Every structure is written in structure tokens, then in C-alpha cells.
């Protein structure tokens, strides 16, 4: 008896493409943060001109209008695309649990690094970062989506429910979460609104952690993504199959493995920066 060949599932490459752009830019932004807040002071007083110039570049970037403009856009895009990807998961509860485990391991490892290195609180430790927020968003979505799946022909009901929830979260956030200052200890160009709004922590919680992504407003973007999925990706197929090819691999591969790219890049850039700092200054430079 000849076994039937399994049909190869075609991925929606355009989703990996957009997520790849977002995660690469987020990784770049984190690198600039590491230079500015963890290693920059040591580089600034070193005799190496290239380190001084790199530190100046990181500072200029962090205060730039460019960052103030694109950072919220691409982070929102990352959560919207992740919401769309719920349509391609067989079990979003399991997906949320796996990501939550990874997020908790990240918290534990960064806590240990911070304590062993004797760094100030919040220098490296991630308490509720992008992975924690994503895991929470997937779980909340799965809880709401489960009873909707029991409704016959629930496609457009899901569109309405998640669109309304997403819009309500973003509108209420914009209207009622006050702008209370600046982002980070020195910045002045961007509202703190993007750093408040998790249901149990105070609005000043971001000051005690190296990476903070609150549930509000990002759950709103995630819900909008899940609504888009019910409209355009109901059949779990790419919308642009004719453009599929190897040309997009530099972005779709990082997008497909965005969690590992995020974790790997964080470890790699801190390790490389610490090694460079130690070679040229005799200190690892962490604060």
C-alpha cells in the first residue's frame, strides 16, 4: 500500500516578511539602548575614536525624530502581524504557554546576570518585555476566541468582536492614560504613554526594568491583527503567492523565527559589546 504524500503547507510569506522587518528594527533599537545606557559612558572616556563615534551615533539616534516616528509604528506592526498569525496556529493556548515559559526564563536569566554582575536594578533584568506581553496577548485572545469557535459560521462575528475590542482599547488608552513625562531617564521626545498601562503595575514600573511592553495599548493592536486574519486569512493562505521566492529570505527567515532572533540578538550584542569594552578599557562597562 502506497502512503499518500502530505500536502506541503504554504506559508503566508508576507507576514514573515513584515514581522522580520519589525524584529530587526526592534533588535537595532535595543542595540542602541545598550550602547547608550550600558556601555556608552566607558566608550565616551576611552581613547578609541571609533567607540566614541559609535556612542555619539547611539545618543543622536535615541534622541532623534526618526526614532520617535518609526519606533511606535514598527512595534505596532509587530503586534498586528502576530495577531494575524493566530489564524495559522492550531492551538493558541499551547502557543501562549510555550512563549510564557521562554519569557519567564528570560526574566530569570537577566535577573541572575544583574545580580552576579552587581548592576543597578533594571539595567538588564526584563520583567515584562515584548515576549511577556505577546504571551499574555495570545492567551487573552485564546480565552475570548474559544467560545466564538463554538458558534456556527463565526468568521464575521470574530471580525466584529476583535475589531471593537481593539478599537476600544486604543481609544480609551489614547483618551484616559495621561502623558506623565518622558521615556527613559533622559529622553524628552516621546510620550510615556507607550510605557504605561499594564493592569497590575504602576505607571512608573518601566523605570525598574530594561524592557517594558505593557498590555495596553499593545493588546489593542494584537486584537486588530486577529480581526484582519478573519477577513483576509480565513483560508490560511498567502495573499501574494505569485511574489513568493528566495528573494525575501533575508527578512522572512528572521520573521519566522522572531523569538529566537530577539533572544539571540540580545545575548549576542551584550556579549560582543562587553568584550569590546573589556579589551579597550579593562572593564565590561555594565552599570
Foldseek 3Di string as FASTA:
>chain_A
DDDDDDDDADAQLVLLQLLLVLLVVVLVLLLLVCCAAFFVVLLCPFPDPVSVVSNVVSVCVVQDPVCQPCVVVSVLSNLLSLLLCVLVDPDLLVVLVVLCVVVVVQQVVQVVVCVVVVFDFALRHADCAPSNLSSVLSNVCRVVVVVLVVDPPSLVVLLVVLLVVLVVLQVCLVPPVDQDAAPDPDHHDHTLSQADDAPPDHSCVNHRHNHGGHNPPSSSSSSNSNSVNSVPVNVVHHPCPVPDDPPSCVRSVCSVVVVCCNVVSVVVSLVVQQVVSCVRRVGSRGD
